[in-house]
Amino acid sequence: MTRKKVSLAYIENESARKSTFKKRKKGIMKKVNELSTLCGVDACAIIFSPYDAEPEVWPSHLGAQRIISRFRRMPELEQSRRMENQESYTRQRLTKAEEQLRKQHKDNRHKEMTHLMFQCLIGEGLQYLNMVDLHDLGVLLNQTMRDVDGRLELLTEAVLPQEMAMLNAMARGENSFNAQMPSGMAMPTMQNQQPIRSLLRSNVHPGLDGNVAYTFPLQWSRG
C-alpha cells in the first residue's frame, strides 16, 4: 500500500501536530545516523521544540560541539558555499517549475500551429485567426520551408547523386541517358521543363508524420 501524500502545511490540530513532531523527529535522528555511518561524514542534529525543556542532540552534546567548532573554523565563503534555507530552496524549485511550464507552453503552441498548418493544406480558411496566430503560423511556415530546403540539399548533393544527375540532364533536354534505357523505351521527358531545384520544390508533399514525399511528372514513350 502506497504512502499517502503529505500536505506541507502547518498542522492546526495541536495533538496531531505533537504526534507528528515526535514521529518525524525520530525519523530525522535515524537519517542523520545513517548518513554519518554510510557516508563517513561528520554530522549532528539539534532540535528545539516547545514540547521538551532541553533540546535533543545527536550524537551527543560533546560531539555536536566538536562538529560546530570545526564548521566555524572554516572560511566564511566555504561555510555558505552550498548552504540552503527554506526560502532559497523554495525559490529554486519555483524557478525550475516556471521554466518547465514555459517549455510546455512553447511545445503546445508549436503543436497547435502545426495542426493549423495541415488544416490549411486541406482547405481550411484563415479568416478566424487573429494577428498573433497569423504571426506564429508564418514563423512555423518559414521554418518548415527551411527544413524542406535542407532536405532538398541532402537529396540533390548526397542521397541520390545518380538520380539527380539524370533529372538534371532531363531538365536540360539532354539524351545522354538514352543508352541506359531498356530496349524499345525512349528517353523520359518532363512535363514541366524547369531547373531541378524548382522541380523538386514544386512537387513537395509534407506528410502528417513530418516526412516529405516527392513526385515527378514523367512521361514515357516507346520509340
C-alpha atoms as a PDB file:
ATOM      1  CA  MET A   1       0.000   0.000   0.000  1.00  0.00           C
ATOM      2  CA  THR A   2       1.493   3.337  -1.051  1.00  0.00           C
ATOM      3  CA  ARG A   3       2.049   6.102   1.455  1.00  0.00           C
ATOM      4  CA  LYS A   4      -0.475   8.921   1.399  1.00  0.00           C
ATOM      5  CA  LYS A   5       0.906  12.200   0.066  1.00  0.00           C
ATOM      6  CA  VAL A   6       1.505  14.660   2.883  1.00  0.00           C
ATOM      7  CA  SER A   7       0.363  18.249   2.542  1.00  0.00           C
ATOM      8  CA  LEU A   8       3.244  20.546   3.520  1.00  0.00           C
ATOM      9  CA  ALA A   9       1.231  22.960   5.622  1.00  0.00           C
ATOM     10  CA  TYR A  10       1.080  23.873   9.275  1.00  0.00           C
ATOM     11  CA  ILE A  11      -0.948  21.351  11.282  1.00  0.00           C
ATOM     12  CA  GLU A  12      -3.677  23.264  13.107  1.00  0.00           C
ATOM     13  CA  ASN A  13      -4.675  20.482  15.481  1.00  0.00           C
ATOM     14  CA  GLU A  14      -2.292  20.575  18.468  1.00  0.00           C
ATOM     15  CA  SER A  15      -2.471  16.884  19.382  1.00  0.00           C
ATOM     16  CA  ALA A  16      -1.926  15.830  15.762  1.00  0.00           C
ATOM     17  CA  ARG A  17       0.937  18.332  15.473  1.00  0.00           C
ATOM     18  CA  LYS A  18       2.641  16.970  18.602  1.00  0.00           C
ATOM     19  CA  SER A  19       2.235  13.394  17.453  1.00  0.00           C
ATOM     20  CA  THR A  20       3.649  14.242  14.029  1.00  0.00           C
ATOM     21  CA  PHE A  21       6.586  16.080  15.604  1.00  0.00           C
ATOM     22  CA  LYS A  22       7.613  13.095  17.733  1.00  0.00           C
ATOM     23  CA  LYS A  23       7.380  10.715  14.785  1.00  0.00           C
ATOM     24  CA  ARG A  24       9.278  13.000  12.396  1.00  0.00           C
ATOM     25  CA  LYS A  25      11.941  13.817  14.990  1.00  0.00           C
ATOM     26  CA  LYS A  26      12.696  10.161  15.430  1.00  0.00           C
ATOM     27  CA  GLY A  27      12.962   9.764  11.663  1.00  0.00           C
ATOM     28  CA  ILE A  28      15.361  12.715  11.353  1.00  0.00           C
ATOM     29  CA  MET A  29      17.655  11.340  14.018  1.00  0.00           C
ATOM     30  CA  LYS A  30      17.692   7.981  12.296  1.00  0.00           C
ATOM     31  CA  LYS A  31      18.534   9.538   8.932  1.00  0.00           C
ATOM     32  CA  VAL A  32      21.406  11.575  10.384  1.00  0.00           C
ATOM     33  CA  ASN A  33      22.821   8.434  11.976  1.00  0.00           C
ATOM     34  CA  GLU A  34      22.558   6.538   8.677  1.00  0.00           C
ATOM     35  CA  LEU A  35      24.150   9.413   6.739  1.00  0.00           C
ATOM     36  CA  SER A  36      27.093   9.581   9.128  1.00  0.00           C
ATOM     37  CA  THR A  37      27.619   5.808   9.159  1.00  0.00           C
ATOM     38  CA  LEU A  38      27.126   5.029   5.455  1.00  0.00           C
ATOM     39  CA  CYS A  39      28.974   8.034   4.042  1.00  0.00           C
ATOM     40  CA  GLY A  40      31.611   8.500   6.736  1.00  0.00           C
ATOM     41  CA  VAL A  41      30.857  12.188   7.301  1.00  0.00           C
ATOM     42  CA  ASP A  42      30.654  14.294  10.418  1.00  0.00           C
ATOM     43  CA  ALA A  43      27.052  15.187  11.154  1.00  0.00           C
ATOM     44  CA  CYS A  44      25.000  16.350  14.076  1.00  0.00           C
ATOM     45  CA  ALA A  45      21.394  17.297  14.737  1.00  0.00           C
ATOM     46  CA  ILE A  46      19.974  19.757  17.270  1.00  0.00           C
ATOM     47  CA  ILE A  47      16.212  20.017  17.602  1.00  0.00           C
ATOM     48  CA  PHE A  48      14.406  22.580  19.797  1.00  0.00           C
ATOM     49  CA  SER A  49      10.710  22.191  20.467  1.00  0.00           C
ATOM     50  CA  PRO A  50       8.037  23.615  22.761  1.00  0.00           C
ATOM     51  CA  TYR A  51       7.355  20.086  23.990  1.00  0.00           C
ATOM     52  CA  ASP A  52      10.755  19.490  25.633  1.00  0.00           C
ATOM     53  CA  ALA A  53      12.608  21.558  28.198  1.00  0.00           C
ATOM     54  CA  GLU A  54      16.016  20.661  26.716  1.00  0.00           C
ATOM     55  CA  PRO A  55      16.929  20.390  23.020  1.00  0.00           C
ATOM     56  CA  GLU A  56      17.517  16.912  21.670  1.00  0.00           C
ATOM     57  CA  VAL A  57      21.051  16.486  20.305  1.00  0.00           C
ATOM     58  CA  TRP A  58      22.625  13.772  18.183  1.00  0.00           C
ATOM     59  CA  PRO A  59      25.098  12.118  18.601  1.00  0.00           C
ATOM     60  CA  SER A  60      25.806  13.870  21.908  1.00  0.00           C
ATOM     61  CA  HIS A  61      26.337  17.361  23.303  1.00  0.00           C
ATOM     62  CA  LEU A  62      30.124  16.944  23.126  1.00  0.00           C
ATOM     63  CA  GLY A  63      30.007  15.519  19.601  1.00  0.00           C
ATOM     64  CA  ALA A  64      27.743  18.339  18.382  1.00  0.00           C
ATOM     65  CA  GLN A  65      30.031  20.985  19.933  1.00  0.00           C
ATOM     66  CA  ARG A  66      33.047  19.442  18.191  1.00  0.00           C
ATOM     67  CA  ILE A  67      31.362  19.485  14.757  1.00  0.00           C
ATOM     68  CA  ILE A  68      30.065  23.059  15.208  1.00  0.00           C
ATOM     69  CA  SER A  69      33.509  24.280  16.271  1.00  0.00           C
ATOM     70  CA  ARG A  70      35.058  22.656  13.189  1.00  0.00           C
ATOM     71  CA  PHE A  71      32.462  24.311  10.993  1.00  0.00           C
ATOM     72  CA  ARG A  72      33.106  27.757  12.494  1.00  0.00           C
ATOM     73  CA  ARG A  73      36.859  27.426  11.861  1.00  0.00           C
ATOM     74  CA  MET A  74      36.195  27.136   8.123  1.00  0.00           C
ATOM     75  CA  PRO A  75      36.446  30.275   5.925  1.00  0.00           C
ATOM     76  CA  GLU A  76      33.161  32.155   5.694  1.00  0.00           C
ATOM     77  CA  LEU A  77      32.931  31.554   1.941  1.00  0.00           C
ATOM     78  CA  GLU A  78      33.245  27.801   2.446  1.00  0.00           C
ATOM     79  CA  GLN A  79      30.611  27.851   5.170  1.00  0.00           C
ATOM     80  CA  SER A  80      27.937  29.295   2.904  1.00  0.00           C
ATOM     81  CA  ARG A  81      29.017  27.812  -0.460  1.00  0.00           C
ATOM     82  CA  ARG A  82      26.349  25.092  -0.541  1.00  0.00           C
ATOM     83  CA  MET A  83      24.117  26.283   2.231  1.00  0.00           C
ATOM     84  CA  GLU A  84      20.370  26.494   1.669  1.00  0.00           C
ATOM     85  CA  ASN A  85      17.452  27.575   3.771  1.00  0.00           C
ATOM     86  CA  GLN A  86      13.771  27.060   3.212  1.00  0.00           C
ATOM     87  CA  GLU A  87      13.420  30.296   1.248  1.00  0.00           C
ATOM     88  CA  SER A  88      16.290  29.639  -1.183  1.00  0.00           C
ATOM     89  CA  TYR A  89      15.181  26.029  -1.697  1.00  0.00           C
ATOM     90  CA  THR A  90      11.604  27.120  -2.445  1.00  0.00           C
ATOM     91  CA  ARG A  91      12.787  29.810  -4.865  1.00  0.00           C
ATOM     92  CA  GLN A  92      14.955  27.271  -6.659  1.00  0.00           C
ATOM     93  CA  ARG A  93      12.016  24.875  -7.029  1.00  0.00           C
ATOM     94  CA  LEU A  94       9.755  27.684  -8.262  1.00  0.00           C
ATOM     95  CA  THR A  95      12.294  28.783 -10.870  1.00  0.00           C
ATOM     96  CA  LYS A  96      12.621  25.222 -12.137  1.00  0.00           C
ATOM     97  CA  ALA A  97       8.834  24.759 -12.256  1.00  0.00           C
ATOM     98  CA  GLU A  98       8.378  28.049 -14.159  1.00  0.00           C
ATOM     99  CA  GLU A  99      10.995  27.021 -16.710  1.00  0.00           C
ATOM    100  CA  GLN A 100       9.277  23.675 -17.251  1.00  0.00           C
ATOM    101  CA  LEU A 101       5.951  25.474 -17.652  1.00  0.00           C
ATOM    102  CA  ARG A 102       7.407  27.828 -20.286  1.00  0.00           C
ATOM    103  CA  LYS A 103       8.813  24.886 -22.234  1.00  0.00           C
ATOM    104  CA  GLN A 104       5.471  23.083 -22.081  1.00  0.00           C
ATOM    105  CA  HIS A 105       3.616  26.195 -23.315  1.00  0.00           C
ATOM    106  CA  LYS A 106       6.080  26.534 -26.199  1.00  0.00           C
ATOM    107  CA  ASP A 107       5.708  22.865 -27.135  1.00  0.00           C
ATOM    108  CA  ASN A 108       1.908  23.074 -27.001  1.00  0.00           C
ATOM    109  CA  ARG A 109       1.923  26.204 -29.160  1.00  0.00           C
ATOM    110  CA  HIS A 110       4.154  24.525 -31.747  1.00  0.00           C
ATOM    111  CA  LYS A 111       1.828  21.516 -31.924  1.00  0.00           C
ATOM    112  CA  GLU A 112      -1.185  23.805 -32.225  1.00  0.00           C
ATOM    113  CA  MET A 113       0.355  25.754 -35.114  1.00  0.00           C
ATOM    114  CA  THR A 114       1.482  22.534 -36.838  1.00  0.00           C
ATOM    115  CA  HIS A 115      -2.079  21.213 -36.699  1.00  0.00           C
ATOM    116  CA  LEU A 116      -3.341  24.531 -38.069  1.00  0.00           C
ATOM    117  CA  MET A 117      -0.825  24.394 -40.920  1.00  0.00           C
ATOM    118  CA  PHE A 118      -2.053  20.984 -42.026  1.00  0.00           C
ATOM    119  CA  GLN A 119      -5.653  22.153 -41.708  1.00  0.00           C
ATOM    120  CA  CYS A 120      -4.821  24.949 -44.155  1.00  0.00           C
ATOM    121  CA  LEU A 121      -3.295  22.414 -46.553  1.00  0.00           C
ATOM    122  CA  ILE A 122      -6.635  20.597 -46.804  1.00  0.00           C
ATOM    123  CA  GLY A 123      -8.561  23.790 -47.498  1.00  0.00           C
ATOM    124  CA  GLU A 124      -9.449  25.298 -44.123  1.00  0.00           C
ATOM    125  CA  GLY A 125      -9.629  29.113 -44.148  1.00  0.00           C
ATOM    126  CA  LEU A 126      -7.663  31.611 -42.059  1.00  0.00           C
ATOM    127  CA  GLN A 127     -10.423  34.153 -41.500  1.00  0.00           C
ATOM    128  CA  TYR A 128     -10.923  33.231 -37.846  1.00  0.00           C
ATOM    129  CA  LEU A 129      -7.237  33.706 -36.885  1.00  0.00           C
ATOM    130  CA  ASN A 130      -6.003  36.748 -35.004  1.00  0.00           C
ATOM    131  CA  MET A 131      -2.726  38.576 -35.608  1.00  0.00           C
ATOM    132  CA  VAL A 132      -0.807  36.530 -33.024  1.00  0.00           C
ATOM    133  CA  ASP A 133      -1.912  33.257 -34.629  1.00  0.00           C
ATOM    134  CA  LEU A 134      -1.034  34.527 -38.099  1.00  0.00           C
ATOM    135  CA  HIS A 135       2.417  35.626 -36.926  1.00  0.00           C
ATOM    136  CA  ASP A 136       3.150  32.272 -35.254  1.00  0.00           C
ATOM    137  CA  LEU A 137       1.856  30.397 -38.292  1.00  0.00           C
ATOM    138  CA  GLY A 138       4.128  32.462 -40.550  1.00  0.00           C
ATOM    139  CA  VAL A 139       7.138  31.666 -38.356  1.00  0.00           C
ATOM    140  CA  LEU A 140       6.312  27.936 -38.492  1.00  0.00           C
ATOM    141  CA  LEU A 141       5.854  28.018 -42.276  1.00  0.00           C
ATOM    142  CA  ASN A 142       9.230  29.736 -42.743  1.00  0.00           C
ATOM    143  CA  GLN A 143      10.904  27.173 -40.512  1.00  0.00           C
ATOM    144  CA  THR A 144       9.189  24.321 -42.365  1.00  0.00           C
ATOM    145  CA  MET A 145      10.373  25.640 -45.712  1.00  0.00           C
ATOM    146  CA  ARG A 146      13.914  25.925 -44.364  1.00  0.00           C
ATOM    147  CA  ASP A 147      13.681  22.305 -43.258  1.00  0.00           C
ATOM    148  CA  VAL A 148      12.423  21.306 -46.714  1.00  0.00           C
ATOM    149  CA  ASP A 149      15.304  23.206 -48.335  1.00  0.00           C
ATOM    150  CA  GLY A 150      17.726  21.373 -46.078  1.00  0.00           C
ATOM    151  CA  ARG A 151      16.294  18.021 -47.082  1.00  0.00           C
ATOM    152  CA  LEU A 152      16.457  19.014 -50.736  1.00  0.00           C
ATOM    153  CA  GLU A 153      20.129  19.846 -50.289  1.00  0.00           C
ATOM    154  CA  LEU A 154      20.734  16.342 -48.931  1.00  0.00           C
ATOM    155  CA  LEU A 155      18.711  14.815 -51.740  1.00  0.00           C
ATOM    156  CA  THR A 156      20.461  16.748 -54.511  1.00  0.00           C
ATOM    157  CA  GLU A 157      24.001  16.501 -53.143  1.00  0.00           C
ATOM    158  CA  ALA A 158      24.319  13.210 -51.286  1.00  0.00           C
ATOM    159  CA  VAL A 159      21.303  10.922 -51.118  1.00  0.00           C
ATOM    160  CA  LEU A 160      20.594  10.202 -54.806  1.00  0.00           C
ATOM    161  CA  PRO A 161      23.536  11.524 -56.858  1.00  0.00           C
ATOM    162  CA  GLN A 162      22.914   9.387 -59.933  1.00  0.00           C
ATOM    163  CA  GLU A 163      19.197  10.093 -59.977  1.00  0.00           C
ATOM    164  CA  MET A 164      19.815  13.799 -59.567  1.00  0.00           C
ATOM    165  CA  ALA A 165      22.292  13.815 -62.448  1.00  0.00           C
ATOM    166  CA  MET A 166      19.712  12.061 -64.591  1.00  0.00           C
ATOM    167  CA  LEU A 167      16.977  14.534 -63.663  1.00  0.00           C
ATOM    168  CA  ASN A 168      19.281  17.468 -64.375  1.00  0.00           C
ATOM    169  CA  ALA A 169      20.027  16.035 -67.796  1.00  0.00           C
ATOM    170  CA  MET A 170      16.306  15.538 -68.382  1.00  0.00           C
ATOM    171  CA  ALA A 171      15.572  19.122 -67.353  1.00  0.00           C
ATOM    172  CA  ARG A 172      18.199  20.352 -69.850  1.00  0.00           C
ATOM    173  CA  GLY A 173      16.731  18.162 -72.591  1.00  0.00           C
ATOM    174  CA  GLU A 174      19.888  16.057 -72.930  1.00  0.00           C
ATOM    175  CA  ASN A 175      19.753  12.485 -74.224  1.00  0.00           C
ATOM    176  CA  SER A 176      22.934  11.204 -72.593  1.00  0.00           C
ATOM    177  CA  PHE A 177      20.972   8.582 -70.693  1.00  0.00           C
ATOM    178  CA  ASN A 178      19.309   7.011 -73.749  1.00  0.00           C
ATOM    179  CA  ALA A 179      21.907   4.274 -73.706  1.00  0.00           C
ATOM    180  CA  GLN A 180      20.718   3.237 -70.241  1.00  0.00           C
ATOM    181  CA  MET A 181      17.049   2.968 -71.242  1.00  0.00           C
ATOM    182  CA  PRO A 182      15.535  -0.510 -71.692  1.00  0.00           C
ATOM    183  CA  SER A 183      15.251  -1.828 -75.213  1.00  0.00           C
ATOM    184  CA  GLY A 184      12.299  -0.266 -77.023  1.00  0.00           C
ATOM    185  CA  MET A 185      11.949   2.525 -74.413  1.00  0.00           C
ATOM    186  CA  ALA A 186      12.746   6.144 -75.314  1.00  0.00           C
ATOM    187  CA  MET A 187      14.265   8.765 -73.037  1.00  0.00           C
ATOM    188  CA  PRO A 188      11.695  10.059 -70.500  1.00  0.00           C
ATOM    189  CA  THR A 189      10.649  13.652 -70.955  1.00  0.00           C
ATOM    190  CA  MET A 190       9.468  16.119 -68.313  1.00  0.00           C
ATOM    191  CA  GLN A 191       6.047  17.682 -68.490  1.00  0.00           C
ATOM    192  CA  ASN A 192       7.492  20.793 -66.897  1.00  0.00           C
ATOM    193  CA  GLN A 193      10.969  21.763 -68.136  1.00  0.00           C
ATOM    194  CA  GLN A 194      12.427  23.667 -65.155  1.00  0.00           C
ATOM    195  CA  PRO A 195      15.587  23.602 -63.028  1.00  0.00           C
ATOM    196  CA  ILE A 196      15.889  20.577 -60.781  1.00  0.00           C
ATOM    197  CA  ARG A 197      15.598  22.507 -57.516  1.00  0.00           C
ATOM    198  CA  SER A 198      12.412  24.250 -58.633  1.00  0.00           C
ATOM    199  CA  LEU A 199      11.094  20.932 -59.921  1.00  0.00           C
ATOM    200  CA  LEU A 200      11.673  19.227 -56.582  1.00  0.00           C
ATOM    201  CA  ARG A 201      10.226  22.085 -54.577  1.00  0.00           C
ATOM    202  CA  SER A 202       7.066  22.249 -56.706  1.00  0.00           C
ATOM    203  CA  ASN A 203       6.425  18.565 -56.065  1.00  0.00           C
ATOM    204  CA  VAL A 204       6.989  18.510 -52.311  1.00  0.00           C
ATOM    205  CA  HIS A 205       4.180  16.987 -50.279  1.00  0.00           C
ATOM    206  CA  PRO A 206       4.661  17.278 -46.476  1.00  0.00           C
ATOM    207  CA  GLY A 207       3.140  14.383 -44.600  1.00  0.00           C
ATOM    208  CA  LEU A 208       1.382  14.434 -41.257  1.00  0.00           C
ATOM    209  CA  ASP A 209       4.290  12.452 -39.763  1.00  0.00           C
ATOM    210  CA  GLY A 210       6.757  15.219 -40.651  1.00  0.00           C
ATOM    211  CA  ASN A 211       8.304  13.340 -43.607  1.00  0.00           C
ATOM    212  CA  VAL A 212       8.461  14.815 -47.087  1.00  0.00           C
ATOM    213  CA  ALA A 213       7.432  12.985 -50.267  1.00  0.00           C
ATOM    214  CA  TYR A 214       8.478  13.944 -53.805  1.00  0.00           C
ATOM    215  CA  THR A 215       6.628  13.215 -57.043  1.00  0.00           C
ATOM    216  CA  PHE A 216       7.898  13.795 -60.555  1.00  0.00           C
ATOM    217  CA  PRO A 217       5.549  14.123 -63.585  1.00  0.00           C
ATOM    218  CA  LEU A 218       7.359  11.880 -66.102  1.00  0.00           C
ATOM    219  CA  GLN A 219       6.023  10.801 -69.494  1.00  0.00           C
ATOM    220  CA  TRP A 220       7.390   7.656 -71.124  1.00  0.00           C
ATOM    221  CA  SER A 221       7.044   6.930 -74.837  1.00  0.00           C
ATOM    222  CA  ARG A 222       8.084   3.916 -76.796  1.00  0.00           C
ATOM    223  CA  GLY A 223      10.490   4.502 -79.676  1.00  0.00           C
END
